[in-house]
């Protein structure tokens, strides 16, 4: 499998395939309400995106990044937590961290025929190159608890202080996960961190902010 980073404007064909795959995945799980297709497809809110390709070039999954935000209202979490008691804490956290750079990961998906956990592990490792390429300290994502737990190996931590949101419907419980560039090397699993550093150097070059795997 190969991890590729691109921008919607720089790789429009790859972007179209990513959007198509996201829509198919969200449709398969009955959660298209969580995917604003027109906004996503335009690419206007996407800073960069990642896709995982097999040897034949088939797309196995992907995820996109929004930010760094200049205003906390740019985040989609306000829609997700708008009727939740966790909204004040979500607002407080975003206000506190936006001066240091915050980026949101959105629209992650894995192809139905792919090895889901393996592809998810690859996508989780995009935390480091995303923080590097955007010059940000914080990365966050919101999804179901069982989904985000697959991403903990890359150093992300679910904020259990925030009450889960009933989004996109009452049958779901959406939680928030944060990654911190300052603690990433310690919080990620050692073997995963080594892979993250290798991939980040491949995607970003030898930028000074990419830490050593040692």
C-alpha atoms as a PDB file:
ATOM      1  CA  UNK A   1       0.000   0.000   0.000  1.00  0.00           C
ATOM      2  CA  UNK A   2       1.116   3.522  -0.791  1.00  0.00           C
ATOM      3  CA  UNK A   3       0.152   6.676   1.109  1.00  0.00           C
ATOM      4  CA  UNK A   4      -0.159   9.748  -1.096  1.00  0.00           C
ATOM      5  CA  UNK A   5      -0.705  13.374  -0.077  1.00  0.00           C
ATOM      6  CA  UNK A   6      -2.183  15.904  -2.493  1.00  0.00           C
ATOM      7  CA  UNK A   7      -4.371  18.988  -2.822  1.00  0.00           C
ATOM      8  CA  UNK A   8      -7.726  19.144  -4.631  1.00  0.00           C
ATOM      9  CA  UNK A   9      -6.457  21.710  -7.125  1.00  0.00           C
ATOM     10  CA  UNK A  10      -3.137  19.976  -7.679  1.00  0.00           C
ATOM     11  CA  UNK A  11      -4.586  16.499  -8.249  1.00  0.00           C
ATOM     12  CA  UNK A  12      -8.203  16.935  -9.421  1.00  0.00           C
ATOM     13  CA  UNK A  13      -8.587  13.372 -10.754  1.00  0.00           C
ATOM     14  CA  UNK A  14      -7.332  11.853  -7.512  1.00  0.00           C
ATOM     15  CA  UNK A  15      -9.570  14.224  -5.574  1.00  0.00           C
ATOM     16  CA  UNK A  16     -12.638  13.162  -7.556  1.00  0.00           C
ATOM     17  CA  UNK A  17     -11.897   9.532  -6.783  1.00  0.00           C
ATOM     18  CA  UNK A  18     -11.476  10.360  -3.104  1.00  0.00           C
ATOM     19  CA  UNK A  19     -14.823  12.190  -2.965  1.00  0.00           C
ATOM     20  CA  UNK A  20     -16.564   9.352  -4.809  1.00  0.00           C
ATOM     21  CA  UNK A  21     -15.105   6.829  -2.380  1.00  0.00           C
ATOM     22  CA  UNK A  22     -16.164   8.914   0.618  1.00  0.00           C
ATOM     23  CA  UNK A  23     -19.735   9.179  -0.657  1.00  0.00           C
ATOM     24  CA  UNK A  24     -19.947   5.439  -1.336  1.00  0.00           C
ATOM     25  CA  UNK A  25     -18.599   4.641   2.130  1.00  0.00           C
ATOM     26  CA  UNK A  26     -20.895   7.067   3.945  1.00  0.00           C
ATOM     27  CA  UNK A  27     -23.855   5.773   1.919  1.00  0.00           C
ATOM     28  CA  UNK A  28     -22.980   2.196   2.814  1.00  0.00           C
ATOM     29  CA  UNK A  29     -23.050   3.082   6.510  1.00  0.00           C
ATOM     30  CA  UNK A  30     -26.167   5.258   6.243  1.00  0.00           C
ATOM     31  CA  UNK A  31     -24.461   8.428   7.469  1.00  0.00           C
ATOM     32  CA  UNK A  32     -24.517  10.683   4.402  1.00  0.00           C
ATOM     33  CA  UNK A  33     -26.027  13.393   6.633  1.00  0.00           C
ATOM     34  CA  UNK A  34     -22.522  13.813   8.063  1.00  0.00           C
ATOM     35  CA  UNK A  35     -21.029  14.512   4.624  1.00  0.00           C
ATOM     36  CA  UNK A  36     -21.873  17.802   2.918  1.00  0.00           C
ATOM     37  CA  UNK A  37     -21.129  16.476  -0.556  1.00  0.00           C
ATOM     38  CA  UNK A  38     -21.333  19.777  -2.435  1.00  0.00           C
ATOM     39  CA  UNK A  39     -19.016  21.560  -0.018  1.00  0.00           C
ATOM     40  CA  UNK A  40     -16.557  18.688   0.177  1.00  0.00           C
ATOM     41  CA  UNK A  41     -16.504  18.090  -3.586  1.00  0.00           C
ATOM     42  CA  UNK A  42     -15.699  21.747  -4.263  1.00  0.00           C
ATOM     43  CA  UNK A  43     -12.410  21.312  -2.420  1.00  0.00           C
ATOM     44  CA  UNK A  44     -12.713  24.849  -1.074  1.00  0.00           C
ATOM     45  CA  UNK A  45     -12.397  23.841   2.581  1.00  0.00           C
ATOM     46  CA  UNK A  46      -9.749  21.157   2.084  1.00  0.00           C
ATOM     47  CA  UNK A  47      -6.119  22.116   2.653  1.00  0.00           C
ATOM     48  CA  UNK A  48      -4.769  18.716   1.673  1.00  0.00           C
ATOM     49  CA  UNK A  49      -5.932  15.131   1.510  1.00  0.00           C
ATOM     50  CA  UNK A  50      -4.452  11.656   1.721  1.00  0.00           C
ATOM     51  CA  UNK A  51      -5.322   8.464  -0.109  1.00  0.00           C
ATOM     52  CA  UNK A  52      -4.108   4.899   0.286  1.00  0.00           C
ATOM     53  CA  UNK A  53      -3.528   3.041  -2.994  1.00  0.00           C
ATOM     54  CA  UNK A  54      -2.783  -0.622  -3.616  1.00  0.00           C
ATOM     55  CA  UNK A  55      -0.228  -1.838  -6.153  1.00  0.00           C
ATOM     56  CA  UNK A  56      -2.816  -1.750  -8.935  1.00  0.00           C
ATOM     57  CA  UNK A  57      -3.714   1.854  -8.149  1.00  0.00           C
ATOM     58  CA  UNK A  58      -7.056   1.030  -6.548  1.00  0.00           C
ATOM     59  CA  UNK A  59      -8.020   3.525  -3.863  1.00  0.00           C
ATOM     60  CA  UNK A  60      -8.479   1.784  -0.519  1.00  0.00           C
ATOM     61  CA  UNK A  61      -9.319   4.786   1.646  1.00  0.00           C
ATOM     62  CA  UNK A  62      -8.640   8.408   2.385  1.00  0.00           C
ATOM     63  CA  UNK A  63      -8.995  11.384   4.696  1.00  0.00           C
ATOM     64  CA  UNK A  64      -8.808  15.158   4.287  1.00  0.00           C
ATOM     65  CA  UNK A  65      -7.574  18.078   6.405  1.00  0.00           C
ATOM     66  CA  UNK A  66      -9.168  21.478   7.021  1.00  0.00           C
ATOM     67  CA  UNK A  67      -7.154  24.352   8.461  1.00  0.00           C
ATOM     68  CA  UNK A  68      -5.211  25.765  10.131  1.00  0.00           C
ATOM     69  CA  UNK A  69      -8.346  27.591  11.202  1.00  0.00           C
ATOM     70  CA  UNK A  70      -8.376  31.352  11.663  1.00  0.00           C
ATOM     71  CA  UNK A  71     -11.728  31.253  13.478  1.00  0.00           C
ATOM     72  CA  UNK A  72     -13.122  28.428  15.574  1.00  0.00           C
ATOM     73  CA  UNK A  73     -16.459  28.767  13.784  1.00  0.00           C
ATOM     74  CA  UNK A  74     -14.829  27.204  10.725  1.00  0.00           C
ATOM     75  CA  UNK A  75     -14.955  23.827  12.460  1.00  0.00           C
ATOM     76  CA  UNK A  76     -17.728  21.355  11.740  1.00  0.00           C
ATOM     77  CA  UNK A  77     -17.860  20.291  15.390  1.00  0.00           C
ATOM     78  CA  UNK A  78     -20.237  23.150  16.164  1.00  0.00           C
ATOM     79  CA  UNK A  79     -22.808  21.413  13.984  1.00  0.00           C
ATOM     80  CA  UNK A  80     -22.124  18.101  15.683  1.00  0.00           C
ATOM     81  CA  UNK A  81     -22.315  19.424  19.257  1.00  0.00           C
ATOM     82  CA  UNK A  82     -24.909  22.172  18.753  1.00  0.00           C
ATOM     83  CA  UNK A  83     -27.538  20.452  20.917  1.00  0.00           C
ATOM     84  CA  UNK A  84     -25.081  18.753  23.254  1.00  0.00           C
ATOM     85  CA  UNK A  85     -24.054  19.690  26.809  1.00  0.00           C
ATOM     86  CA  UNK A  86     -20.467  19.312  25.616  1.00  0.00           C
ATOM     87  CA  UNK A  87     -20.636  22.406  23.397  1.00  0.00           C
ATOM     88  CA  UNK A  88     -19.228  24.888  25.988  1.00  0.00           C
ATOM     89  CA  UNK A  89     -16.163  22.704  26.591  1.00  0.00           C
ATOM     90  CA  UNK A  90     -15.630  22.165  22.859  1.00  0.00           C
ATOM     91  CA  UNK A  91     -15.781  25.934  22.370  1.00  0.00           C
ATOM     92  CA  UNK A  92     -13.361  26.548  25.238  1.00  0.00           C
ATOM     93  CA  UNK A  93     -10.824  24.054  23.893  1.00  0.00           C
ATOM     94  CA  UNK A  94     -10.879  25.478  20.383  1.00  0.00           C
ATOM     95  CA  UNK A  95     -10.488  29.036  21.695  1.00  0.00           C
ATOM     96  CA  UNK A  96      -7.509  28.010  23.827  1.00  0.00           C
ATOM     97  CA  UNK A  97      -5.711  26.129  21.069  1.00  0.00           C
ATOM     98  CA  UNK A  98      -6.369  28.144  17.926  1.00  0.00           C
ATOM     99  CA  UNK A  99      -3.453  30.557  18.587  1.00  0.00           C
ATOM    100  CA  UNK A 100      -1.107  27.564  18.325  1.00  0.00           C
ATOM    101  CA  UNK A 101      -2.611  26.244  15.080  1.00  0.00           C
ATOM    102  CA  UNK A 102      -5.457  23.750  14.866  1.00  0.00           C
ATOM    103  CA  UNK A 103      -6.315  21.477  11.954  1.00  0.00           C
ATOM    104  CA  UNK A 104      -9.357  19.230  11.631  1.00  0.00           C
ATOM    105  CA  UNK A 105      -9.337  15.826   9.941  1.00  0.00           C
ATOM    106  CA  UNK A 106     -12.576  15.033   8.118  1.00  0.00           C
ATOM    107  CA  UNK A 107     -14.302  12.538   5.854  1.00  0.00           C
ATOM    108  CA  UNK A 108     -12.163   9.483   6.559  1.00  0.00           C
ATOM    109  CA  UNK A 109     -13.253   6.341   4.748  1.00  0.00           C
ATOM    110  CA  UNK A 110     -12.098   2.823   3.948  1.00  0.00           C
ATOM    111  CA  UNK A 111     -13.163   0.794   0.909  1.00  0.00           C
ATOM    112  CA  UNK A 112     -15.534  -2.091   1.633  1.00  0.00           C
ATOM    113  CA  UNK A 113     -13.196  -4.635   0.080  1.00  0.00           C
ATOM    114  CA  UNK A 114     -10.057  -3.410   1.818  1.00  0.00           C
ATOM    115  CA  UNK A 115      -8.400  -4.654   5.004  1.00  0.00           C
ATOM    116  CA  UNK A 116     -10.147  -2.058   7.130  1.00  0.00           C
ATOM    117  CA  UNK A 117      -7.910  -2.033  10.186  1.00  0.00           C
ATOM    118  CA  UNK A 118      -4.738  -1.958   8.090  1.00  0.00           C
ATOM    119  CA  UNK A 119      -5.937   0.979   5.991  1.00  0.00           C
ATOM    120  CA  UNK A 120      -7.195   2.786   9.104  1.00  0.00           C
ATOM    121  CA  UNK A 121      -3.764   2.411  10.678  1.00  0.00           C
ATOM    122  CA  UNK A 122      -2.156   3.989   7.623  1.00  0.00           C
ATOM    123  CA  UNK A 123      -4.613   6.889   7.670  1.00  0.00           C
ATOM    124  CA  UNK A 124      -4.026   7.415  11.394  1.00  0.00           C
ATOM    125  CA  UNK A 125      -0.341   7.972  10.710  1.00  0.00           C
ATOM    126  CA  UNK A 126      -1.160  11.070   8.646  1.00  0.00           C
ATOM    127  CA  UNK A 127      -1.284  13.061  11.901  1.00  0.00           C
ATOM    128  CA  UNK A 128       2.431  13.868  11.775  1.00  0.00           C
ATOM    129  CA  UNK A 129       2.713  14.983   8.123  1.00  0.00           C
ATOM    130  CA  UNK A 130      -0.471  17.035   8.503  1.00  0.00           C
ATOM    131  CA  UNK A 131       0.898  18.927  11.491  1.00  0.00           C
ATOM    132  CA  UNK A 132       4.197  19.347   9.682  1.00  0.00           C
ATOM    133  CA  UNK A 133       2.780  20.525   6.366  1.00  0.00           C
ATOM    134  CA  UNK A 134       0.393  23.008   8.008  1.00  0.00           C
ATOM    135  CA  UNK A 135       2.819  24.244  10.658  1.00  0.00           C
ATOM    136  CA  UNK A 136       0.260  23.552  13.382  1.00  0.00           C
ATOM    137  CA  UNK A 137       0.538  22.215  16.909  1.00  0.00           C
ATOM    138  CA  UNK A 138      -2.892  20.607  17.283  1.00  0.00           C
ATOM    139  CA  UNK A 139      -4.891  18.196  15.174  1.00  0.00           C
ATOM    140  CA  UNK A 140      -8.380  16.975  16.004  1.00  0.00           C
ATOM    141  CA  UNK A 141     -11.087  14.721  14.641  1.00  0.00           C
ATOM    142  CA  UNK A 142     -14.605  13.734  15.626  1.00  0.00           C
ATOM    143  CA  UNK A 143     -16.199  10.350  15.007  1.00  0.00           C
ATOM    144  CA  UNK A 144     -17.688   7.368  16.794  1.00  0.00           C
ATOM    145  CA  UNK A 145     -15.669   6.139  19.751  1.00  0.00           C
ATOM    146  CA  UNK A 146     -14.907   2.729  18.197  1.00  0.00           C
ATOM    147  CA  UNK A 147     -13.623   4.405  15.030  1.00  0.00           C
ATOM    148  CA  UNK A 148     -11.280   6.820  16.788  1.00  0.00           C
ATOM    149  CA  UNK A 149      -9.878   4.091  19.017  1.00  0.00           C
ATOM    150  CA  UNK A 150      -8.254   2.677  15.882  1.00  0.00           C
ATOM    151  CA  UNK A 151      -6.336   5.961  15.608  1.00  0.00           C
ATOM    152  CA  UNK A 152      -4.938   5.999  19.156  1.00  0.00           C
ATOM    153  CA  UNK A 153      -1.809   4.145  18.060  1.00  0.00           C
ATOM    154  CA  UNK A 154      -0.694   7.316  16.253  1.00  0.00           C
ATOM    155  CA  UNK A 155      -0.754   9.381  19.447  1.00  0.00           C
ATOM    156  CA  UNK A 156      -4.296  10.723  19.347  1.00  0.00           C
ATOM    157  CA  UNK A 157      -6.287  10.730  22.558  1.00  0.00           C
ATOM    158  CA  UNK A 158     -10.065  10.852  22.985  1.00  0.00           C
ATOM    159  CA  UNK A 159     -11.089  13.718  25.270  1.00  0.00           C
ATOM    160  CA  UNK A 160     -13.403  11.915  27.669  1.00  0.00           C
ATOM    161  CA  UNK A 161     -14.184  15.177  29.482  1.00  0.00           C
ATOM    162  CA  UNK A 162     -16.367  16.180  26.520  1.00  0.00           C
ATOM    163  CA  UNK A 163     -19.812  14.526  26.599  1.00  0.00           C
ATOM    164  CA  UNK A 164     -20.449  12.569  23.406  1.00  0.00           C
ATOM    165  CA  UNK A 165     -22.696  14.192  20.811  1.00  0.00           C
ATOM    166  CA  UNK A 166     -25.722  12.444  19.299  1.00  0.00           C
ATOM    167  CA  UNK A 167     -24.573  12.976  15.716  1.00  0.00           C
ATOM    168  CA  UNK A 168     -25.497  12.445  12.909  1.00  0.00           C
ATOM    169  CA  UNK A 169     -28.537  10.963  14.673  1.00  0.00           C
ATOM    170  CA  UNK A 170     -29.616   9.785  18.111  1.00  0.00           C
ATOM    171  CA  UNK A 171     -28.275   6.283  17.484  1.00  0.00           C
ATOM    172  CA  UNK A 172     -24.693   7.553  17.244  1.00  0.00           C
ATOM    173  CA  UNK A 173     -22.263   8.846  19.850  1.00  0.00           C
ATOM    174  CA  UNK A 174     -19.608  11.123  18.408  1.00  0.00           C
ATOM    175  CA  UNK A 175     -16.493  11.934  20.429  1.00  0.00           C
ATOM    176  CA  UNK A 176     -13.457  14.168  19.888  1.00  0.00           C
ATOM    177  CA  UNK A 177      -9.816  13.133  19.612  1.00  0.00           C
ATOM    178  CA  UNK A 178      -6.775  15.433  19.813  1.00  0.00           C
ATOM    179  CA  UNK A 179      -3.156  15.093  18.707  1.00  0.00           C
ATOM    180  CA  UNK A 180      -0.475  17.432  20.102  1.00  0.00           C
ATOM    181  CA  UNK A 181       2.750  17.914  18.131  1.00  0.00           C
ATOM    182  CA  UNK A 182       4.619  18.511  21.398  1.00  0.00           C
ATOM    183  CA  UNK A 183       3.717  15.100  22.846  1.00  0.00           C
ATOM    184  CA  UNK A 184       3.199  13.026  19.707  1.00  0.00           C
ATOM    185  CA  UNK A 185       6.506  11.171  19.910  1.00  0.00           C
ATOM    186  CA  UNK A 186       5.712  10.015  23.454  1.00  0.00           C
ATOM    187  CA  UNK A 187       2.024   9.229  23.021  1.00  0.00           C
ATOM    188  CA  UNK A 188       2.274   7.222  19.785  1.00  0.00           C
ATOM    189  CA  UNK A 189       3.241   3.563  19.939  1.00  0.00           C
ATOM    190  CA  UNK A 190       7.011   3.305  19.322  1.00  0.00           C
ATOM    191  CA  UNK A 191       6.735   1.118  16.223  1.00  0.00           C
ATOM    192  CA  UNK A 192       3.958   3.328  14.832  1.00  0.00           C
ATOM    193  CA  UNK A 193       5.978   6.459  15.537  1.00  0.00           C
ATOM    194  CA  UNK A 194       8.878   5.092  13.512  1.00  0.00           C
ATOM    195  CA  UNK A 195       6.540   4.555  10.553  1.00  0.00           C
ATOM    196  CA  UNK A 196       5.048   8.016  11.026  1.00  0.00           C
ATOM    197  CA  UNK A 197       8.468   9.659  10.886  1.00  0.00           C
ATOM    198  CA  UNK A 198       9.510   7.713   7.783  1.00  0.00           C
ATOM    199  CA  UNK A 199       6.277   8.578   5.994  1.00  0.00           C
ATOM    200  CA  UNK A 200       6.417  12.206   7.097  1.00  0.00           C
ATOM    201  CA  UNK A 201       9.941  12.574   5.746  1.00  0.00           C
ATOM    202  CA  UNK A 202       8.828  11.007   2.474  1.00  0.00           C
ATOM    203  CA  UNK A 203       5.802  13.292   2.174  1.00  0.00           C
ATOM    204  CA  UNK A 204       7.300  16.478   3.621  1.00  0.00           C
ATOM    205  CA  UNK A 205      11.005  16.185   2.899  1.00  0.00           C
ATOM    206  CA  UNK A 206      13.595  16.737   5.611  1.00  0.00           C
ATOM    207  CA  UNK A 207      11.738  19.624   7.206  1.00  0.00           C
ATOM    208  CA  UNK A 208      13.128  20.685  10.563  1.00  0.00           C
ATOM    209  CA  UNK A 209       9.868  20.153  12.434  1.00  0.00           C
ATOM    210  CA  UNK A 210       9.736  16.427  11.633  1.00  0.00           C
ATOM    211  CA  UNK A 211      11.278  14.810  14.753  1.00  0.00           C
ATOM    212  CA  UNK A 212      13.669  11.912  14.749  1.00  0.00           C
ATOM    213  CA  UNK A 213      12.360   8.405  15.283  1.00  0.00           C
ATOM    214  CA  UNK A 214      15.217   7.737  17.689  1.00  0.00           C
END
